[in-house]
Protein backbone atom coordinates (compact mmCIF):
# COMPACT_ATOMS: atom_id res chain seq x y z
CA MET A 1 3.72 -1.82 25.72
CA GLN A 2 6.30 1.34 26.58
CA GLN A 3 6.17 3.98 23.66
CA VAL A 4 9.47 4.55 21.89
CA PRO A 5 10.32 8.15 20.03
CA ASN A 6 9.38 7.98 16.45
CA PRO A 7 12.38 5.31 14.87
CA ALA A 8 14.53 7.19 11.74
CA ILE A 9 14.30 5.13 8.96
CA SER A 10 16.96 4.16 6.38
CA VAL A 11 16.12 5.59 2.79
CA PRO A 12 17.93 3.53 0.40
CA ARG A 13 20.31 5.59 -1.46
CA ILE A 14 19.77 6.86 -5.08
CA THR A 15 22.80 5.45 -6.94
CA ASN A 16 22.77 6.46 -11.08
CA LYS A 17 19.41 7.76 -11.22
CA ARG A 18 17.66 6.28 -13.74
CA ILE A 19 15.41 9.72 -15.41
CA PRO A 20 13.63 8.94 -17.90
CA GLU A 21 14.02 10.58 -21.38
CA ASN A 22 10.74 10.99 -22.41
CA ASP A 23 8.21 8.78 -20.50
CA LYS A 24 7.98 10.79 -17.41
CA ASN A 25 4.23 10.01 -16.74
CA LEU A 26 2.94 8.47 -13.27
CA LEU A 27 -0.23 6.68 -12.76
CA ILE A 28 -0.84 6.10 -9.20
CA SER A 29 -4.09 4.48 -7.37
CA GLY A 30 -5.85 5.31 -3.79
CA CYS A 31 -4.51 9.06 -3.85
CA SER A 32 -7.14 10.28 -1.57
CA THR A 33 -5.29 10.32 1.53
CA GLY A 34 -2.24 8.55 3.26
CA ILE A 35 0.65 6.90 1.12
CA GLY A 36 -1.23 7.49 -2.25
CA ARG A 37 -1.71 11.31 -1.37
CA ALA A 38 2.07 11.80 -0.37
CA CYS A 39 3.38 10.16 -3.78
CA ALA A 40 1.23 11.69 -5.68
CA LEU A 41 2.14 15.24 -4.29
CA HIS A 42 6.19 14.06 -4.52
CA PHE A 43 6.31 12.86 -7.72
CA ALA A 44 4.08 15.75 -9.36
CA LYS A 45 6.94 18.33 -7.77
CA THR A 46 10.24 16.30 -8.91
CA GLY A 47 8.59 16.51 -12.47
CA TYR A 48 6.50 13.17 -13.27
CA HIS A 49 3.18 13.93 -14.88
CA VAL A 50 1.20 12.14 -12.25
CA PHE A 51 -2.36 10.57 -13.13
CA ALA A 52 -3.71 10.47 -9.49
CA CYS A 53 -6.59 8.23 -9.23
CA VAL A 54 -9.32 9.20 -6.79
CA ARG A 55 -12.77 8.26 -5.82
CA LYS A 56 -14.42 11.71 -5.02
CA GLU A 57 -14.64 15.06 -6.35
CA SER A 58 -13.51 16.59 -3.39
CA ASP A 59 -10.54 14.61 -2.84
CA ALA A 60 -9.55 15.62 -6.96
CA GLU A 61 -9.99 19.22 -5.29
CA SER A 62 -8.29 19.01 -2.12
CA LEU A 63 -5.40 17.38 -4.64
CA LYS A 64 -5.17 19.82 -6.82
CA ALA A 65 -5.36 22.71 -4.26
CA ALA A 66 -2.21 21.19 -2.00
CA ASP A 67 -0.19 21.17 -5.29
CA ASP A 68 2.31 23.73 -6.99
CA SER A 69 3.58 22.18 -9.59
CA GLY A 70 1.07 22.17 -11.97
CA ASN A 71 2.11 18.62 -13.27
CA LEU A 72 -0.73 16.25 -10.79
CA GLU A 73 -3.64 15.82 -12.69
CA PRO A 74 -6.56 14.22 -10.26
CA VAL A 75 -8.44 11.12 -12.33
CA MET A 76 -11.67 9.66 -10.70
CA LEU A 77 -10.64 5.50 -10.66
CA ASP A 78 -12.17 3.15 -8.36
CA VAL A 79 -9.63 0.30 -9.33
CA THR A 80 -12.45 -2.30 -8.95
CA ASN A 81 -14.82 -1.15 -11.66
CA GLU A 82 -13.61 -2.65 -15.27
CA LEU A 83 -15.84 -0.11 -16.94
CA GLN A 84 -13.95 3.13 -15.54
CA LEU A 85 -10.46 1.08 -15.59
CA GLY A 86 -11.46 0.92 -19.52
CA GLU A 87 -12.37 4.36 -20.01
CA LEU A 88 -9.44 5.56 -18.32
CA LYS A 89 -7.58 3.25 -20.42
CA ALA A 90 -8.70 4.76 -23.68
CA ASP A 91 -8.05 8.09 -22.46
CA LEU A 92 -4.96 7.46 -21.40
CA ASN A 93 -3.92 5.70 -24.67
CA GLN A 94 -5.27 8.80 -26.94
CA ARG A 95 -3.20 11.09 -24.78
CA ILE A 96 0.43 9.01 -23.93
CA GLY A 97 0.10 6.40 -26.24
CA ASP A 98 3.63 7.15 -27.90
CA THR A 99 5.26 7.94 -24.38
CA GLY A 100 3.47 5.56 -22.29
CA LEU A 101 4.02 5.54 -18.26
CA ALA A 102 7.46 5.48 -16.74
CA GLY A 103 5.70 3.89 -13.66
CA LEU A 104 2.69 2.35 -11.99
CA ILE A 105 2.35 2.76 -8.60
CA ASN A 106 -0.28 0.02 -6.96
CA ASN A 107 -1.53 1.71 -3.92
CA ALA A 108 -5.39 1.76 -3.03
CA GLY A 109 -6.25 -0.37 -0.22
CA ILE A 110 -8.60 -0.79 2.16
CA ALA A 111 -9.06 -2.70 5.63
CA LYS A 112 -11.82 -4.86 7.51
CA SER A 113 -11.00 -6.46 10.74
CA GLY A 114 -12.57 -8.94 13.04
CA PRO A 115 -11.99 -12.69 14.35
CA ILE A 116 -12.05 -15.07 11.29
CA GLU A 117 -15.05 -17.27 14.00
CA PHE A 118 -17.22 -14.19 13.25
CA ILE A 119 -16.15 -11.83 10.18
CA ASP A 120 -18.64 -11.22 7.59
CA PRO A 121 -17.67 -13.16 4.63
CA GLN A 122 -18.89 -10.14 2.41
CA ALA A 123 -16.18 -7.59 4.16
CA VAL A 124 -13.41 -9.62 3.42
CA ARG A 125 -14.25 -9.83 -0.13
CA ASP A 126 -14.82 -6.75 -0.47
CA VAL A 127 -10.69 -6.18 1.04
CA PHE A 128 -9.59 -8.50 -1.79
CA ASN A 129 -11.40 -7.07 -4.34
CA VAL A 130 -9.85 -3.99 -3.56
CA ASN A 131 -6.07 -4.91 -2.26
CA VAL A 132 -5.70 -8.01 -4.51
CA MET A 133 -8.00 -7.84 -7.43
CA GLY A 134 -7.38 -4.00 -7.74
CA PRO A 135 -3.90 -4.28 -8.25
CA LEU A 136 -4.24 -7.06 -11.27
CA LEU A 137 -6.75 -5.17 -12.97
CA LEU A 138 -5.24 -2.03 -13.00
CA THR A 139 -1.56 -3.62 -13.87
CA GLN A 140 -3.54 -5.89 -16.93
CA THR A 141 -4.98 -2.39 -18.35
CA PHE A 142 -2.27 -0.06 -17.83
CA LEU A 143 0.67 -2.35 -18.76
CA PRO A 144 0.48 -2.12 -21.91
CA LEU A 145 1.81 2.04 -21.61
CA VAL A 146 3.85 0.80 -19.28
CA ARG A 147 5.78 -1.40 -21.94
CA VAL A 148 5.82 1.54 -24.06
CA ALA A 149 7.99 3.72 -21.84
CA LYS A 150 9.93 0.71 -20.54
CA GLY A 151 8.70 1.25 -17.27
CA ARG A 152 8.32 0.50 -13.39
CA ILE A 153 5.69 -1.40 -11.08
CA VAL A 154 5.68 -0.65 -7.81
CA THR A 155 2.76 -2.13 -5.55
CA ILE A 156 2.00 -1.11 -1.95
CA GLY A 157 1.92 -4.27 0.24
CA SER A 158 2.22 -4.09 3.63
CA ILE A 159 4.49 -5.64 6.59
CA ALA A 160 0.95 -7.55 7.46
CA GLY A 161 1.98 -9.22 4.12
CA LYS A 162 4.34 -11.22 5.88
CA ILE A 163 3.32 -11.24 9.60
CA ALA A 164 -0.75 -12.09 10.35
CA SER A 165 -2.09 -10.51 13.54
CA PRO A 166 -5.65 -12.19 15.57
CA THR A 167 -8.15 -10.34 14.47
CA MET A 168 -6.58 -8.38 11.29
CA ALA A 169 -6.86 -11.88 9.15
CA ALA A 170 -9.05 -10.06 6.11
CA TYR A 171 -6.29 -7.26 6.17
CA SER A 172 -3.17 -9.94 5.81
CA ILE A 173 -5.04 -12.43 3.67
CA SER A 174 -5.05 -9.41 0.91
CA LYS A 175 -1.64 -8.48 1.82
CA PHE A 176 0.26 -11.64 1.58
CA GLY A 177 -1.64 -11.93 -1.76
CA VAL A 178 -0.13 -9.06 -3.12
CA GLU A 179 3.36 -10.59 -2.27
CA ALA A 180 2.57 -13.67 -4.39
CA PHE A 181 1.14 -10.68 -7.23
CA SER A 182 4.11 -9.01 -6.93
CA ASP A 183 6.49 -12.28 -7.15
CA ALA A 184 4.78 -13.57 -10.23
CA LEU A 185 4.66 -10.36 -11.84
CA ARG A 186 8.47 -9.32 -11.60
CA GLN A 187 9.51 -12.89 -13.09
CA GLU A 188 7.31 -12.47 -15.51
CA LEU A 189 8.00 -9.07 -16.62
CA ALA A 190 11.92 -9.23 -16.19
CA PRO A 191 12.93 -11.16 -19.33
CA HIS A 192 10.88 -7.89 -20.47
CA GLY A 193 12.92 -5.61 -18.88
CA ILE A 194 10.34 -4.12 -16.90
CA HIS A 195 11.40 -3.89 -12.95
CA VAL A 196 8.40 -4.87 -10.16
CA ALA A 197 8.65 -3.99 -6.48
CA VAL A 198 6.59 -4.26 -3.31
CA VAL A 199 7.02 -2.23 -0.87
CA GLU A 200 6.10 -2.92 2.72
CA PRO A 201 5.50 -0.27 5.33
CA GLY A 202 5.01 -0.87 8.97
CA PRO A 203 3.11 1.71 11.16
CA ILE A 204 2.73 5.06 8.64
CA GLU A 205 0.87 8.02 9.69
CA THR A 206 -2.39 7.35 7.37
CA PRO A 207 -6.40 7.85 8.32
CA MET A 208 -6.41 3.56 8.29
CA LEU A 209 -4.09 3.56 11.42
CA GLN A 210 -5.53 6.62 12.88
CA SER A 211 -8.80 5.34 12.71
CA ALA A 212 -8.34 1.90 15.03
CA ASP A 213 -10.40 2.67 17.58
CA GLU A 214 -13.65 3.28 15.52
CA ILE A 215 -13.22 0.53 13.63
CA THR A 216 -12.19 -1.97 16.73
CA GLN A 217 -15.70 -0.19 18.19
CA GLU A 218 -17.40 -1.43 14.94
CA VAL A 219 -16.18 -4.61 15.55
CA LEU A 220 -17.22 -5.22 18.86
CA ASP A 221 -20.58 -3.79 18.15
CA SER A 222 -21.08 -6.84 15.06
CA LEU A 223 -20.03 -9.39 17.44
CA SER A 224 -22.57 -11.54 19.70
CA GLU A 225 -22.31 -11.93 22.85
CA GLN A 226 -20.68 -15.00 22.42
CA GLY A 227 -18.41 -13.99 20.19
CA LYS A 228 -17.35 -10.65 22.85
CA GLU A 229 -16.91 -13.75 25.22
CA TYR A 230 -14.69 -15.37 22.89
CA TYR A 231 -12.34 -12.26 21.64
CA ALA A 232 -13.11 -9.06 23.30
CA ASP A 233 -10.14 -9.41 25.78
CA ILE A 234 -7.81 -9.65 22.16
CA ILE A 235 -9.46 -6.89 20.38
CA GLY A 236 -8.69 -4.61 22.91
CA LYS A 237 -4.96 -5.55 23.72
CA ILE A 238 -5.01 -5.04 19.57
CA LEU A 239 -6.29 -1.72 19.41
CA GLY A 240 -3.92 -1.23 22.35
CA TYR A 241 -1.35 -2.32 20.35
CA PHE A 242 -2.36 0.31 17.68
CA HIS A 243 -2.27 3.39 20.40
CA THR A 244 1.81 2.28 20.48
CA MET A 245 2.06 1.76 17.09
CA GLN A 246 0.42 5.39 16.09
CA GLY A 247 3.13 7.26 18.62
CA ARG A 248 5.67 5.06 16.79
CA ALA A 249 4.23 6.16 12.85
CA LEU A 250 6.24 7.70 10.19
CA PRO A 251 5.07 9.96 8.01
CA ALA A 252 3.66 8.60 4.12
CA GLN A 253 6.41 10.71 2.78
CA ALA A 254 8.63 8.03 4.03
CA VAL A 255 7.30 5.92 1.95
CA ALA A 256 7.40 7.89 -1.05
CA ASP A 257 10.64 8.19 -0.85
CA VAL A 258 11.69 4.58 -0.94
CA VAL A 259 9.20 4.16 -3.69
CA GLU A 260 11.33 6.84 -5.42
CA HIS A 261 14.19 4.17 -5.43
CA ALA A 262 12.24 2.17 -6.41
CA LEU A 263 11.59 3.90 -9.87
CA GLU A 264 14.51 5.39 -10.16
CA SER A 265 17.25 3.56 -9.04
CA ASN A 266 19.71 1.56 -11.42
CA LYS A 267 19.93 -1.15 -8.51
CA PRO A 268 16.42 -1.13 -7.32
CA LYS A 269 15.54 -3.62 -4.65
CA THR A 270 12.97 -6.26 -5.73
CA ARG A 271 11.24 -5.30 -2.04
CA TYR A 272 11.11 -2.75 0.55
CA LEU A 273 10.59 -2.70 4.38
CA VAL A 274 9.33 0.44 5.80
CA THR A 275 10.17 1.24 9.54
CA THR A 276 11.65 0.03 12.24
CA ASP A 277 9.30 -2.15 13.22
CA ALA A 278 8.81 -3.56 10.13
CA LYS A 279 12.24 -4.66 9.86
CA ILE A 280 12.43 -5.90 13.35
CA GLY A 281 9.16 -8.18 13.32
CA ASN A 282 10.39 -9.52 9.51
CA PHE A 283 13.59 -10.89 11.32
CA LEU A 284 12.08 -12.11 14.09
CA HIS A 285 9.63 -13.87 12.28
CA TRP A 286 12.22 -15.40 10.00
CA ALA A 287 14.12 -15.98 13.14
CA LEU A 288 11.95 -18.32 14.91
CA PRO A 289 10.20 -21.34 15.17
CA ASP A 290 6.12 -20.35 14.44
CA ARG A 291 5.05 -20.87 18.05
CA ALA A 292 8.11 -18.66 19.48
CA PHE A 293 7.29 -15.97 17.49
CA ASP A 294 3.39 -16.72 18.70
CA TYR A 295 4.27 -16.31 22.12
CA VAL A 296 6.64 -13.20 21.21
CA SER A 297 4.15 -11.44 19.21
CA SER A 298 1.42 -12.19 22.52
CA LYS A 299 4.00 -10.35 25.03
CA MET A 300 4.40 -7.62 22.78
CA ILE A 301 0.59 -6.99 22.83
CA GLU A 302 0.04 -7.53 25.81
């Protein structure tokens, strides 16, 4: 596929900006790299006190070194660890129980790939635990603090939550789950005045996208000779497609800008597609019959 220059992103314009009076605390998961890191630094700079969740001390130190606002506070959290969730809940209840959370951003996520016929079921469980159970547990734990501030909840999904691709089933299963999670949560919390949104990026400059070669090699190494015979060709085509996406990827800041709209606009959207690729793919998936879309998709990765 021929590469094209990076597409411009149309960021929704914030009108009548919603600025909380005394509830400027923000909790963000998955802040070590990529979208989470960009959001943590961006919102700290704009005046929020950001509790930025990371799993490694080195990532916490890196975040602190990059922040010049004084508003960013790294906290150690694995979103699948209920003990850590409980400890952080107790700490934040004591510290900000009276003001609450202006926003909760569910961002932590991982990716595993491989053809459904041969992928390790445990790999699928791991992806589901982080990408789906993570937002559910984080939301259950901190929703009371969001209620205090009448804050908002934003979950980072993916265009893969709308369009499934060959060899990427594990990731798409989890991101389709994020869509359902956000839709149900939005309807449950609407009567309580708590807005819920999901952000659906296409290709973004993150370590996840940049490690496509390494991930692909791991998948190939894990396959039997029969598995390679069946799927090596499609795996190679998907890798080539990811190389193309790397050339068109937008910086993670593009997602942070959209999250800002979801948190602060008086007219927030319920879902945000980010990147031209995501918008075009979503439209074609909606407009075309399944087999026609499958045909178009197969031509895109040749």
